[in-house]
Amino acid sequence: VVMLRNPADRAYSHYWHDRTRGRTESEFGDIVARELAGEDIGPA
């Protein structure tokens, strides 16, 4: 069974899930820009 969601909303929900747990302090837009540029941002 695979659940899918609007991928932009999924990414933003995942980001805030991590941020409230202290896993990142970077701004979402900055992380997206780095990942779209080809940077490996880790398992997130």
PDB file of all heavy atoms in Angstrom:
ATOM      1  N   VAL A   1       0.858  -1.177   0.000  1.00  0.00           N
ATOM      2  CA  VAL A   1       0.000   0.000   0.000  1.00  0.00           C
ATOM      3  C   VAL A   1       0.894   1.227   0.000  1.00  0.00           C
ATOM      4  O   VAL A   1       1.812   1.332   0.828  1.00  0.00           O
ATOM      5  CB  VAL A   1      -0.927   0.029   1.233  1.00  0.00           C
ATOM      6  CG1 VAL A   1      -1.781   1.299   1.232  1.00  0.00           C
ATOM      7  CG2 VAL A   1      -1.810  -1.219   1.268  1.00  0.00           C
ATOM      8  N   VAL A   2       0.663   2.133  -0.937  1.00  0.00           N
ATOM      9  CA  VAL A   2       1.443   3.364  -1.031  1.00  0.00           C
ATOM     10  C   VAL A   2       0.491   4.551  -0.965  1.00  0.00           C
ATOM     11  O   VAL A   2      -0.479   4.625  -1.724  1.00  0.00           O
ATOM     12  CB  VAL A   2       2.267   3.409  -2.339  1.00  0.00           C
ATOM     13  CG1 VAL A   2       2.772   4.814  -2.612  1.00  0.00           C
ATOM     14  CG2 VAL A   2       3.441   2.442  -2.255  1.00  0.00           C
ATOM     15  N   MET A   3       0.766   5.451  -0.045  1.00  0.00           N
ATOM     16  CA  MET A   3       0.006   6.695   0.077  1.00  0.00           C
ATOM     17  C   MET A   3       0.817   7.822  -0.557  1.00  0.00           C
ATOM     18  O   MET A   3       2.006   7.979  -0.267  1.00  0.00           O
ATOM     19  CB  MET A   3      -0.236   7.016   1.553  1.00  0.00           C
ATOM     20  CG  MET A   3      -1.004   5.960   2.322  1.00  0.00           C
ATOM     21  SD  MET A   3      -2.734   5.864   1.836  1.00  0.00           S
ATOM     22  CE  MET A   3      -3.313   7.508   2.307  1.00  0.00           C
ATOM     23  N   LEU A   4       0.173   8.596  -1.419  1.00  0.00           N
ATOM     24  CA  LEU A   4       0.810   9.746  -2.044  1.00  0.00           C
ATOM     25  C   LEU A   4       0.029  11.011  -1.698  1.00  0.00           C
ATOM     26  O   LEU A   4      -1.150  10.950  -1.363  1.00  0.00           O
ATOM     27  CB  LEU A   4       0.872   9.574  -3.565  1.00  0.00           C
ATOM     28  CG  LEU A   4       1.623   8.342  -4.089  1.00  0.00           C
ATOM     29  CD1 LEU A   4       1.621   8.340  -5.616  1.00  0.00           C
ATOM     30  CD2 LEU A   4       3.042   8.288  -3.562  1.00  0.00           C
ATOM     31  N   ARG A   5       0.715  12.140  -1.812  1.00  0.00           N
ATOM     32  CA  ARG A   5       0.129  13.428  -1.434  1.00  0.00           C
ATOM     33  C   ARG A   5       0.685  14.495  -2.365  1.00  0.00           C
ATOM     34  O   ARG A   5       1.758  14.310  -2.942  1.00  0.00           O
ATOM     35  CB  ARG A   5       0.522  13.726   0.023  1.00  0.00           C
ATOM     36  CG  ARG A   5       0.055  15.042   0.601  1.00  0.00           C
ATOM     37  CD  ARG A   5       0.615  15.201   2.011  1.00  0.00           C
ATOM     38  NE  ARG A   5       0.085  16.363   2.704  1.00  0.00           N
ATOM     39  CZ  ARG A   5       0.382  16.688   3.955  1.00  0.00           C
ATOM     40  NH1 ARG A   5       1.218  15.936   4.649  1.00  0.00           N
ATOM     41  NH2 ARG A   5      -0.144  17.761   4.516  1.00  0.00           N
ATOM     42  N   ASN A   6      -0.028  15.595  -2.502  1.00  0.00           N
ATOM     43  CA  ASN A   6       0.542  16.726  -3.222  1.00  0.00           C
ATOM     44  C   ASN A   6       2.011  16.845  -2.823  1.00  0.00           C
ATOM     45  O   ASN A   6       2.325  17.071  -1.648  1.00  0.00           O
ATOM     46  CB  ASN A   6      -0.213  18.003  -2.845  1.00  0.00           C
ATOM     47  CG  ASN A   6       0.331  19.241  -3.538  1.00  0.00           C
ATOM     48  OD1 ASN A   6       1.541  19.462  -3.581  1.00  0.00           O
ATOM     49  ND2 ASN A   6      -0.547  20.049  -4.072  1.00  0.00           N
ATOM     50  N   PRO A   7       2.951  16.644  -3.748  1.00  0.00           N
ATOM     51  CA  PRO A   7       4.369  16.537  -3.349  1.00  0.00           C
ATOM     52  C   PRO A   7       4.945  17.814  -2.752  1.00  0.00           C
ATOM     53  O   PRO A   7       5.859  17.746  -1.926  1.00  0.00           O
ATOM     54  CB  PRO A   7       5.073  16.133  -4.644  1.00  0.00           C
ATOM     55  CG  PRO A   7       4.137  16.524  -5.738  1.00  0.00           C
ATOM     56  CD  PRO A   7       2.755  16.407  -5.183  1.00  0.00           C
ATOM     57  N   ALA A   8       4.410  18.975  -3.147  1.00  0.00           N
ATOM     58  CA  ALA A   8       4.880  20.219  -2.529  1.00  0.00           C
ATOM     59  C   ALA A   8       4.424  20.278  -1.074  1.00  0.00           C
ATOM     60  O   ALA A   8       5.203  20.634  -0.172  1.00  0.00           O
ATOM     61  CB  ALA A   8       4.360  21.420  -3.310  1.00  0.00           C
ATOM     62  N   ASP A   9       3.173  19.918  -0.827  1.00  0.00           N
ATOM     63  CA  ASP A   9       2.668  19.892   0.547  1.00  0.00           C
ATOM     64  C   ASP A   9       3.388  18.824   1.372  1.00  0.00           C
ATOM     65  O   ASP A   9       3.657  19.021   2.558  1.00  0.00           O
ATOM     66  CB  ASP A   9       1.168  19.604   0.549  1.00  0.00           C
ATOM     67  CG  ASP A   9       0.351  20.744  -0.017  1.00  0.00           C
ATOM     68  OD1 ASP A   9       0.872  21.874  -0.084  1.00  0.00           O
ATOM     69  OD2 ASP A   9      -0.813  20.503  -0.401  1.00  0.00           O
ATOM     70  N   ARG A  10       3.686  17.694   0.746  1.00  0.00           N
ATOM     71  CA  ARG A  10       4.398  16.626   1.449  1.00  0.00           C
ATOM     72  C   ARG A  10       5.757  17.116   1.917  1.00  0.00           C
ATOM     73  O   ARG A  10       6.166  16.900   3.060  1.00  0.00           O
ATOM     74  CB  ARG A  10       4.569  15.409   0.524  1.00  0.00           C
ATOM     75  CG  ARG A  10       5.044  14.131   1.222  1.00  0.00           C
ATOM     76  CD  ARG A  10       6.103  13.394   0.449  1.00  0.00           C
ATOM     77  NE  ARG A  10       7.354  14.135   0.375  1.00  0.00           N
ATOM     78  CZ  ARG A  10       8.257  14.192   1.353  1.00  0.00           C
ATOM     79  NH1 ARG A  10       8.068  13.545   2.481  1.00  0.00           N
ATOM     80  NH2 ARG A  10       9.362  14.920   1.219  1.00  0.00           N
ATOM     81  N   ALA A  11       6.479  17.792   1.003  1.00  0.00           N
ATOM     82  CA  ALA A  11       7.806  18.291   1.333  1.00  0.00           C
ATOM     83  C   ALA A  11       7.752  19.301   2.473  1.00  0.00           C
ATOM     84  O   ALA A  11       8.586  19.273   3.398  1.00  0.00           O
ATOM     85  CB  ALA A  11       8.444  18.928   0.099  1.00  0.00           C
ATOM     86  N   TYR A  12       6.756  20.179   2.428  1.00  0.00           N
ATOM     87  CA  TYR A  12       6.651  21.231   3.449  1.00  0.00           C
ATOM     88  C   TYR A  12       6.268  20.631   4.803  1.00  0.00           C
ATOM     89  O   TYR A  12       6.796  21.022   5.847  1.00  0.00           O
ATOM     90  CB  TYR A  12       5.620  22.259   3.003  1.00  0.00           C
ATOM     91  CG  TYR A  12       5.750  23.607   3.677  1.00  0.00           C
ATOM     92  CD1 TYR A  12       6.993  24.239   3.783  1.00  0.00           C
ATOM     93  CD2 TYR A  12       4.629  24.259   4.187  1.00  0.00           C
ATOM     94  CE1 TYR A  12       7.111  25.484   4.384  1.00  0.00           C
ATOM     95  CE2 TYR A  12       4.731  25.505   4.785  1.00  0.00           C
ATOM     96  CZ  TYR A  12       5.978  26.115   4.887  1.00  0.00           C
ATOM     97  OH  TYR A  12       6.093  27.350   5.486  1.00  0.00           O
ATOM     98  N   SER A  13       5.359  19.663   4.803  1.00  0.00           N
ATOM     99  CA  SER A  13       4.990  18.974   6.041  1.00  0.00           C
ATOM    100  C   SER A  13       6.188  18.239   6.621  1.00  0.00           C
ATOM    101  O   SER A  13       6.427  18.275   7.840  1.00  0.00           O
ATOM    102  CB  SER A  13       3.847  17.990   5.761  1.00  0.00           C
ATOM    103  OG  SER A  13       3.555  17.219   6.901  1.00  0.00           O
ATOM    104  N   HIS A  14       6.955  17.573   5.775  1.00  0.00           N
ATOM    105  CA  HIS A  14       8.158  16.851   6.203  1.00  0.00           C
ATOM    106  C   HIS A  14       9.164  17.834   6.816  1.00  0.00           C
ATOM    107  O   HIS A  14       9.759  17.553   7.873  1.00  0.00           O
ATOM    108  CB  HIS A  14       8.753  16.142   4.985  1.00  0.00           C
ATOM    109  CG  HIS A  14       9.876  15.215   5.290  1.00  0.00           C
ATOM    110  ND1 HIS A  14      10.474  14.429   4.327  1.00  0.00           N
ATOM    111  CD2 HIS A  14      10.564  14.951   6.441  1.00  0.00           C
ATOM    112  CE1 HIS A  14      11.440  13.722   4.862  1.00  0.00           C
ATOM    113  NE2 HIS A  14      11.523  14.024   6.141  1.00  0.00           N
ATOM    114  N   TYR A  15       9.334  18.979   6.169  1.00  0.00           N
ATOM    115  CA  TYR A  15      10.267  19.989   6.671  1.00  0.00           C
ATOM    116  C   TYR A  15       9.874  20.457   8.078  1.00  0.00           C
ATOM    117  O   TYR A  15      10.721  20.500   8.994  1.00  0.00           O
ATOM    118  CB  TYR A  15      10.304  21.179   5.714  1.00  0.00           C
ATOM    119  CG  TYR A  15      10.917  22.424   6.299  1.00  0.00           C
ATOM    120  CD1 TYR A  15      12.300  22.560   6.410  1.00  0.00           C
ATOM    121  CD2 TYR A  15      10.109  23.469   6.758  1.00  0.00           C
ATOM    122  CE1 TYR A  15      12.865  23.703   6.964  1.00  0.00           C
ATOM    123  CE2 TYR A  15      10.661  24.612   7.304  1.00  0.00           C
ATOM    124  CZ  TYR A  15      12.044  24.732   7.409  1.00  0.00           C
ATOM    125  OH  TYR A  15      12.602  25.865   7.950  1.00  0.00           O
ATOM    126  N   TRP A  16       8.597  20.778   8.280  1.00  0.00           N
ATOM    127  CA  TRP A  16       8.175  21.264   9.586  1.00  0.00           C
ATOM    128  C   TRP A  16       8.192  20.159  10.637  1.00  0.00           C
ATOM    129  O   TRP A  16       8.449  20.416  11.819  1.00  0.00           O
ATOM    130  CB  TRP A  16       6.803  21.930   9.492  1.00  0.00           C
ATOM    131  CG  TRP A  16       6.949  23.340   9.013  1.00  0.00           C
ATOM    132  CD1 TRP A  16       6.703  23.828   7.764  1.00  0.00           C
ATOM    133  CD2 TRP A  16       7.441  24.441   9.783  1.00  0.00           C
ATOM    134  NE1 TRP A  16       7.006  25.164   7.696  1.00  0.00           N
ATOM    135  CE2 TRP A  16       7.458  25.572   8.920  1.00  0.00           C
ATOM    136  CE3 TRP A  16       7.857  24.591  11.100  1.00  0.00           C
ATOM    137  CZ2 TRP A  16       7.874  26.824   9.361  1.00  0.00           C
ATOM    138  CZ3 TRP A  16       8.274  25.845  11.536  1.00  0.00           C
ATOM    139  CH2 TRP A  16       8.284  26.938  10.668  1.00  0.00           C
ATOM    140  N   HIS A  17       7.948  18.940  10.222  1.00  0.00           N
ATOM    141  CA  HIS A  17       8.094  17.796  11.124  1.00  0.00           C
ATOM    142  C   HIS A  17       9.534  17.725  11.642  1.00  0.00           C
ATOM    143  O   HIS A  17       9.768  17.510  12.835  1.00  0.00           O
ATOM    144  CB  HIS A  17       7.729  16.514  10.367  1.00  0.00           C
ATOM    145  CG  HIS A  17       7.854  15.267  11.171  1.00  0.00           C
ATOM    146  ND1 HIS A  17       6.886  14.847  12.066  1.00  0.00           N
ATOM    147  CD2 HIS A  17       8.833  14.325  11.227  1.00  0.00           C
ATOM    148  CE1 HIS A  17       7.261  13.718  12.629  1.00  0.00           C
ATOM    149  NE2 HIS A  17       8.434  13.373  12.142  1.00  0.00           N
ATOM    150  N   ASP A  18      10.493  17.924  10.746  1.00  0.00           N
ATOM    151  CA  ASP A  18      11.907  17.896  11.130  1.00  0.00           C
ATOM    152  C   ASP A  18      12.298  19.135  11.938  1.00  0.00           C
ATOM    153  O   ASP A  18      13.052  19.048  12.918  1.00  0.00           O
ATOM    154  CB  ASP A  18      12.786  17.806   9.885  1.00  0.00           C
ATOM    155  CG  ASP A  18      12.817  16.416   9.281  1.00  0.00           C
ATOM    156  OD1 ASP A  18      12.228  15.495   9.881  1.00  0.00           O
ATOM    157  OD2 ASP A  18      13.425  16.245   8.212  1.00  0.00           O
ATOM    158  N   ARG A  19      11.784  20.282  11.537  1.00  0.00           N
ATOM    159  CA  ARG A  19      12.197  21.520  12.198  1.00  0.00           C
ATOM    160  C   ARG A  19      11.743  21.553  13.660  1.00  0.00           C
ATOM    161  O   ARG A  19      12.505  21.979  14.537  1.00  0.00           O
ATOM    162  CB  ARG A  19      11.645  22.728  11.443  1.00  0.00           C
ATOM    163  CG  ARG A  19      12.024  24.055  12.084  1.00  0.00           C
ATOM    164  CD  ARG A  19      12.020  25.202  11.121  1.00  0.00           C
ATOM    165  NE  ARG A  19      12.277  26.456  11.798  1.00  0.00           N
ATOM    166  CZ  ARG A  19      12.570  27.596  11.194  1.00  0.00           C
ATOM    167  NH1 ARG A  19      12.657  27.631   9.863  1.00  0.00           N
ATOM    168  NH2 ARG A  19      12.772  28.689  11.877  1.00  0.00           N
ATOM    169  N   THR A  20      10.528  21.104  13.944  1.00  0.00           N
ATOM    170  CA  THR A  20      10.056  21.119  15.326  1.00  0.00           C
ATOM    171  C   THR A  20      10.810  20.120  16.188  1.00  0.00           C
ATOM    172  O   THR A  20      10.771  20.209  17.419  1.00  0.00           O
ATOM    173  CB  THR A  20       8.547  20.806  15.398  1.00  0.00           C
ATOM    174  OG1 THR A  20       8.294  19.519  14.844  1.00  0.00           O
ATOM    175  CG2 THR A  20       7.747  21.853  14.674  1.00  0.00           C
ATOM    176  N   ARG A  21      11.493  19.188  15.562  1.00  0.00           N
ATOM    177  CA  ARG A  21      12.273  18.193  16.287  1.00  0.00           C
ATOM    178  C   ARG A  21      13.755  18.540  16.316  1.00  0.00           C
ATOM    179  O   ARG A  21      14.581  17.730  16.719  1.00  0.00           O
ATOM    180  CB  ARG A  21      12.045  16.804  15.672  1.00  0.00           C
ATOM    181  CG  ARG A  21      10.671  16.265  16.030  1.00  0.00           C
ATOM    182  CD  ARG A  21      10.131  15.279  15.027  1.00  0.00           C
ATOM    183  NE  ARG A  21       8.844  14.749  15.471  1.00  0.00           N
ATOM    184  CZ  ARG A  21       7.684  15.421  15.354  1.00  0.00           C
ATOM    185  NH1 ARG A  21       7.663  16.618  14.802  1.00  0.00           N
ATOM    186  NH2 ARG A  21       6.551  14.889  15.794  1.00  0.00           N
ATOM    187  N   GLY A  22      14.095  19.740  15.856  1.00  0.00           N
ATOM    188  CA  GLY A  22      15.460  20.204  15.940  1.00  0.00           C
ATOM    189  C   GLY A  22      16.407  19.613  14.921  1.00  0.00           C
ATOM    190  O   GLY A  22      17.624  19.687  15.071  1.00  0.00           O
ATOM    191  N   ARG A  23      15.862  19.024  13.865  1.00  0.00           N
ATOM    192  CA  ARG A  23      16.719  18.381  12.867  1.00  0.00           C
ATOM    193  C   ARG A  23      17.225  19.357  11.806  1.00  0.00           C
ATOM    194  O   ARG A  23      18.141  19.028  11.058  1.00  0.00           O
ATOM    195  CB  ARG A  23      15.945  17.242  12.184  1.00  0.00           C
ATOM    196  CG  ARG A  23      15.560  16.124  13.133  1.00  0.00           C
ATOM    197  CD  ARG A  23      14.611  15.146  12.505  1.00  0.00           C
ATOM    198  NE  ARG A  23      14.160  14.145  13.474  1.00  0.00           N
ATOM    199  CZ  ARG A  23      13.117  13.352  13.293  1.00  0.00           C
ATOM    200  NH1 ARG A  23      12.410  13.429  12.171  1.00  0.00           N
ATOM    201  NH2 ARG A  23      12.764  12.484  14.221  1.00  0.00           N
ATOM    202  N   THR A  24      16.623  20.523  11.725  1.00  0.00           N
ATOM    203  CA  THR A  24      17.104  21.543  10.800  1.00  0.00           C
ATOM    204  C   THR A  24      16.700  22.911  11.325  1.00  0.00           C
ATOM    205  O   THR A  24      15.665  23.050  11.978  1.00  0.00           O
ATOM    206  CB  THR A  24      16.524  21.351   9.384  1.00  0.00           C
ATOM    207  OG1 THR A  24      17.062  22.358   8.514  1.00  0.00           O
ATOM    208  CG2 THR A  24      15.003  21.463   9.370  1.00  0.00           C
ATOM    209  N   GLU A  25      17.536  23.896  11.046  1.00  0.00           N
ATOM    210  CA  GLU A  25      17.211  25.280  11.370  1.00  0.00           C
ATOM    211  C   GLU A  25      17.205  26.142  10.112  1.00  0.00           C
ATOM    212  O   GLU A  25      16.932  27.332  10.172  1.00  0.00           O
ATOM    213  CB  GLU A  25      18.213  25.838  12.380  1.00  0.00           C
ATOM    214  CG  GLU A  25      18.167  25.137  13.736  1.00  0.00           C
ATOM    215  CD  GLU A  25      19.139  25.726  14.738  1.00  0.00           C
ATOM    216  OE1 GLU A  25      19.917  26.629  14.338  1.00  0.00           O
ATOM    217  OE2 GLU A  25      19.132  25.299  15.904  1.00  0.00           O
ATOM    218  N   SER A  26      17.520  25.537   8.972  1.00  0.00           N
ATOM    219  CA  SER A  26      17.555  26.271   7.708  1.00  0.00           C
ATOM    220  C   SER A  26      16.144  26.611   7.255  1.00  0.00           C
ATOM    221  O   SER A  26      15.176  25.938   7.620  1.00  0.00           O
ATOM    222  CB  SER A  26      18.245  25.442   6.621  1.00  0.00           C
ATOM    223  OG  SER A  26      19.576  25.148   6.975  1.00  0.00           O
ATOM    224  N   GLU A  27      16.032  27.646   6.448  1.00  0.00           N
ATOM    225  CA  GLU A  27      14.737  28.012   5.875  1.00  0.00           C
ATOM    226  C   GLU A  27      14.380  27.043   4.754  1.00  0.00           C
ATOM    227  O   GLU A  27      15.256  26.583   4.009  1.00  0.00           O
ATOM    228  CB  GLU A  27      14.768  29.441   5.346  1.00  0.00           C
ATOM    229  CG  GLU A  27      14.939  30.492   6.437  1.00  0.00           C
ATOM    230  CD  GLU A  27      13.815  30.450   7.466  1.00  0.00           C
ATOM    231  OE1 GLU A  27      12.640  30.313   7.064  1.00  0.00           O
ATOM    232  OE2 GLU A  27      14.116  30.541   8.671  1.00  0.00           O
ATOM    233  N   PHE A  28      13.100  26.761   4.632  1.00  0.00           N
ATOM    234  CA  PHE A  28      12.638  25.793   3.640  1.00  0.00           C
ATOM    235  C   PHE A  28      13.054  26.202   2.233  1.00  0.00           C
ATOM    236  O   PHE A  28      13.538  25.373   1.449  1.00  0.00           O
ATOM    237  CB  PHE A  28      11.118  25.657   3.730  1.00  0.00           C
ATOM    238  CG  PHE A  28      10.541  24.639   2.775  1.00  0.00           C
ATOM    239  CD1 PHE A  28      10.845  23.290   2.906  1.00  0.00           C
ATOM    240  CD2 PHE A  28       9.684  25.031   1.762  1.00  0.00           C
ATOM    241  CE1 PHE A  28      10.304  22.340   2.027  1.00  0.00           C
ATOM    242  CE2 PHE A  28       9.130  24.094   0.891  1.00  0.00           C
ATOM    243  CZ  PHE A  28       9.444  22.748   1.022  1.00  0.00           C
ATOM    244  N   GLY A  29      12.884  27.467   1.887  1.00  0.00           N
ATOM    245  CA  GLY A  29      13.242  27.923   0.551  1.00  0.00           C
ATOM    246  C   GLY A  29      14.711  27.716   0.231  1.00  0.00           C
ATOM    247  O   GLY A  29      15.068  27.370  -0.902  1.00  0.00           O
ATOM    248  N   ASP A  30      15.569  27.913   1.227  1.00  0.00           N
ATOM    249  CA  ASP A  30      17.003  27.709   1.022  1.00  0.00           C
ATOM    250  C   ASP A  30      17.317  26.237   0.765  1.00  0.00           C
ATOM    251  O   ASP A  30      18.127  25.896  -0.108  1.00  0.00           O
ATOM    252  CB  ASP A  30      17.788  28.203   2.239  1.00  0.00           C
ATOM    253  CG  ASP A  30      17.701  29.704   2.428  1.00  0.00           C
ATOM    254  OD1 ASP A  30      17.386  30.401   1.440  1.00  0.00           O
ATOM    255  OD2 ASP A  30      17.927  30.171   3.563  1.00  0.00           O
ATOM    256  N   ILE A  31      16.680  25.348   1.542  1.00  0.00           N
ATOM    257  CA  ILE A  31      16.917  23.914   1.360  1.00  0.00           C
ATOM    258  C   ILE A  31      16.438  23.469  -0.018  1.00  0.00           C
ATOM    259  O   ILE A  31      17.127  22.717  -0.716  1.00  0.00           O
ATOM    260  CB  ILE A  31      16.200  23.107   2.457  1.00  0.00           C
ATOM    261  CG1 ILE A  31      16.765  23.452   3.828  1.00  0.00           C
ATOM    262  CG2 ILE A  31      16.344  21.610   2.201  1.00  0.00           C
ATOM    263  CD1 ILE A  31      16.054  22.770   4.982  1.00  0.00           C
ATOM    264  N   VAL A  32      15.256  23.940  -0.415  1.00  0.00           N
ATOM    265  CA  VAL A  32      14.717  23.579  -1.735  1.00  0.00           C
ATOM    266  C   VAL A  32      15.661  24.045  -2.837  1.00  0.00           C
ATOM    267  O   VAL A  32      15.944  23.305  -3.789  1.00  0.00           O
ATOM    268  CB  VAL A  32      13.310  24.173  -1.921  1.00  0.00           C
ATOM    269  CG1 VAL A  32      12.869  24.076  -3.386  1.00  0.00           C
ATOM    270  CG2 VAL A  32      12.310  23.462  -1.023  1.00  0.00           C
ATOM    271  N   ALA A  33      16.144  25.277  -2.726  1.00  0.00           N
ATOM    272  CA  ALA A  33      17.049  25.805  -3.746  1.00  0.00           C
ATOM    273  C   ALA A  33      18.310  24.953  -3.853  1.00  0.00           C
ATOM    274  O   ALA A  33      18.786  24.653  -4.955  1.00  0.00           O
ATOM    275  CB  ALA A  33      17.404  27.256  -3.425  1.00  0.00           C
ATOM    276  N   ARG A  34      18.844  24.537  -2.715  1.00  0.00           N
ATOM    277  CA  ARG A  34      20.057  23.711  -2.726  1.00  0.00           C
ATOM    278  C   ARG A  34      19.782  22.348  -3.352  1.00  0.00           C
ATOM    279  O   ARG A  34      20.575  21.848  -4.157  1.00  0.00           O
ATOM    280  CB  ARG A  34      20.575  23.542  -1.300  1.00  0.00           C
ATOM    281  CG  ARG A  34      21.237  24.791  -0.733  1.00  0.00           C
ATOM    282  CD  ARG A  34      21.295  24.766   0.783  1.00  0.00           C
ATOM    283  NE  ARG A  34      21.726  23.469   1.308  1.00  0.00           N
ATOM    284  CZ  ARG A  34      21.437  23.035   2.535  1.00  0.00           C
ATOM    285  NH1 ARG A  34      20.703  23.776   3.347  1.00  0.00           N
ATOM    286  NH2 ARG A  34      21.878  21.853   2.932  1.00  0.00           N
ATOM    287  N   GLU A  35      18.644  21.763  -3.006  1.00  0.00           N
ATOM    288  CA  GLU A  35      18.342  20.435  -3.550  1.00  0.00           C
ATOM    289  C   GLU A  35      18.052  20.507  -5.046  1.00  0.00           C
ATOM    290  O   GLU A  35      18.481  19.629  -5.812  1.00  0.00           O
ATOM    291  CB  GLU A  35      17.160  19.814  -2.798  1.00  0.00           C
ATOM    292  CG  GLU A  35      17.035  18.330  -3.052  1.00  0.00           C
ATOM    293  CD  GLU A  35      16.015  17.632  -2.169  1.00  0.00           C
ATOM    294  OE1 GLU A  35      15.441  18.278  -1.257  1.00  0.00           O
ATOM    295  OE2 GLU A  35      15.776  16.432  -2.404  1.00  0.00           O
ATOM    296  N   LEU A  36      17.348  21.544  -5.475  1.00  0.00           N
ATOM    297  CA  LEU A  36      17.070  21.696  -6.902  1.00  0.00           C
ATOM    298  C   LEU A  36      18.353  21.964  -7.701  1.00  0.00           C
ATOM    299  O   LEU A  36      18.421  21.653  -8.889  1.00  0.00           O
ATOM    300  CB  LEU A  36      16.067  22.827  -7.137  1.00  0.00           C
ATOM    301  CG  LEU A  36      14.626  22.549  -6.701  1.00  0.00           C
ATOM    302  CD1 LEU A  36      13.756  23.787  -6.913  1.00  0.00           C
ATOM    303  CD2 LEU A  36      14.055  21.362  -7.473  1.00  0.00           C
ATOM    304  N   ALA A  37      19.358  22.512  -7.022  1.00  0.00           N
ATOM    305  CA  ALA A  37      20.647  22.751  -7.666  1.00  0.00           C
ATOM    306  C   ALA A  37      21.510  21.498  -7.718  1.00  0.00           C
ATOM    307  O   ALA A  37      22.620  21.521  -8.252  1.00  0.00           O
ATOM    308  CB  ALA A  37      21.386  23.879  -6.945  1.00  0.00           C
ATOM    309  N   GLY A  38      21.020  20.408  -7.146  1.00  0.00           N
ATOM    310  CA  GLY A  38      21.745  19.142  -7.208  1.00  0.00           C
ATOM    311  C   GLY A  38      22.509  18.778  -5.957  1.00  0.00           C
ATOM    312  O   GLY A  38      23.195  17.748  -5.919  1.00  0.00           O
ATOM    313  N   GLU A  39      22.394  19.590  -4.906  1.00  0.00           N
ATOM    314  CA  GLU A  39      23.112  19.289  -3.673  1.00  0.00           C
ATOM    315  C   GLU A  39      22.437  18.150  -2.917  1.00  0.00           C
ATOM    316  O   GLU A  39      21.206  18.083  -2.832  1.00  0.00           O
ATOM    317  CB  GLU A  39      23.160  20.538  -2.789  1.00  0.00           C
ATOM    318  CG  GLU A  39      23.936  20.348  -1.497  1.00  0.00           C
ATOM    319  CD  GLU A  39      24.007  21.620  -0.673  1.00  0.00           C
ATOM    320  OE1 GLU A  39      23.921  22.725  -1.251  1.00  0.00           O
ATOM    321  OE2 GLU A  39      24.147  21.499   0.572  1.00  0.00           O
ATOM    322  N   ASP A  40      23.228  17.280  -2.364  1.00  0.00           N
ATOM    323  CA  ASP A  40      22.712  16.205  -1.526  1.00  0.00           C
ATOM    324  C   ASP A  40      22.482  16.773  -0.135  1.00  0.00           C
ATOM    325  O   ASP A  40      23.438  17.122   0.564  1.00  0.00           O
ATOM    326  CB  ASP A  40      23.715  15.049  -1.473  1.00  0.00           C
ATOM    327  CG  ASP A  40      23.234  13.875  -0.635  1.00  0.00           C
ATOM    328  OD1 ASP A  40      22.141  13.973  -0.046  1.00  0.00           O
ATOM    329  OD2 ASP A  40      23.960  12.857  -0.561  1.00  0.00           O
ATOM    330  N   ILE A  41      21.232  16.859   0.290  1.00  0.00           N
ATOM    331  CA  ILE A  41      20.936  17.451   1.598  1.00  0.00           C
ATOM    332  C   ILE A  41      20.769  16.380   2.676  1.00  0.00           C
ATOM    333  O   ILE A  41      20.359  16.672   3.793  1.00  0.00           O
ATOM    334  CB  ILE A  41      19.673  18.334   1.543  1.00  0.00           C
ATOM    335  CG1 ILE A  41      18.435  17.491   1.243  1.00  0.00           C
ATOM    336  CG2 ILE A  41      19.839  19.457   0.535  1.00  0.00           C
ATOM    337  CD1 ILE A  41      17.139  18.203   1.571  1.00  0.00           C
ATOM    338  N   GLY A  42      21.068  15.127   2.329  1.00  0.00           N
ATOM    339  CA  GLY A  42      20.975  14.059   3.316  1.00  0.00           C
ATOM    340  C   GLY A  42      19.670  13.286   3.187  1.00  0.00           C
ATOM    341  O   GLY A  42      18.919  13.442   2.226  1.00  0.00           O
ATOM    342  N   PRO A  43      19.382  12.453   4.173  1.00  0.00           N
ATOM    343  CA  PRO A  43      18.237  11.546   4.067  1.00  0.00           C
ATOM    344  C   PRO A  43      16.879  12.228   4.027  1.00  0.00           C
ATOM    345  O   PRO A  43      15.895  11.615   3.609  1.00  0.00           O
ATOM    346  CB  PRO A  43      18.372  10.656   5.319  1.00  0.00           C
ATOM    347  CG  PRO A  43      19.217  11.437   6.263  1.00  0.00           C
ATOM    348  CD  PRO A  43      20.146  12.224   5.414  1.00  0.00           C
ATOM    349  N   ALA A  44      16.796  13.491   4.469  1.00  0.00           N
ATOM    350  CA  ALA A  44      15.493  14.179   4.418  1.00  0.00           C
ATOM    351  C   ALA A  44      14.975  14.240   2.983  1.00  0.00           C
ATOM    352  O   ALA A  44      13.830  13.898   2.701  1.00  0.00           O
ATOM    353  CB  ALA A  44      15.609  15.579   5.008  1.00  0.00           C
TER     354      ALA A  44
END
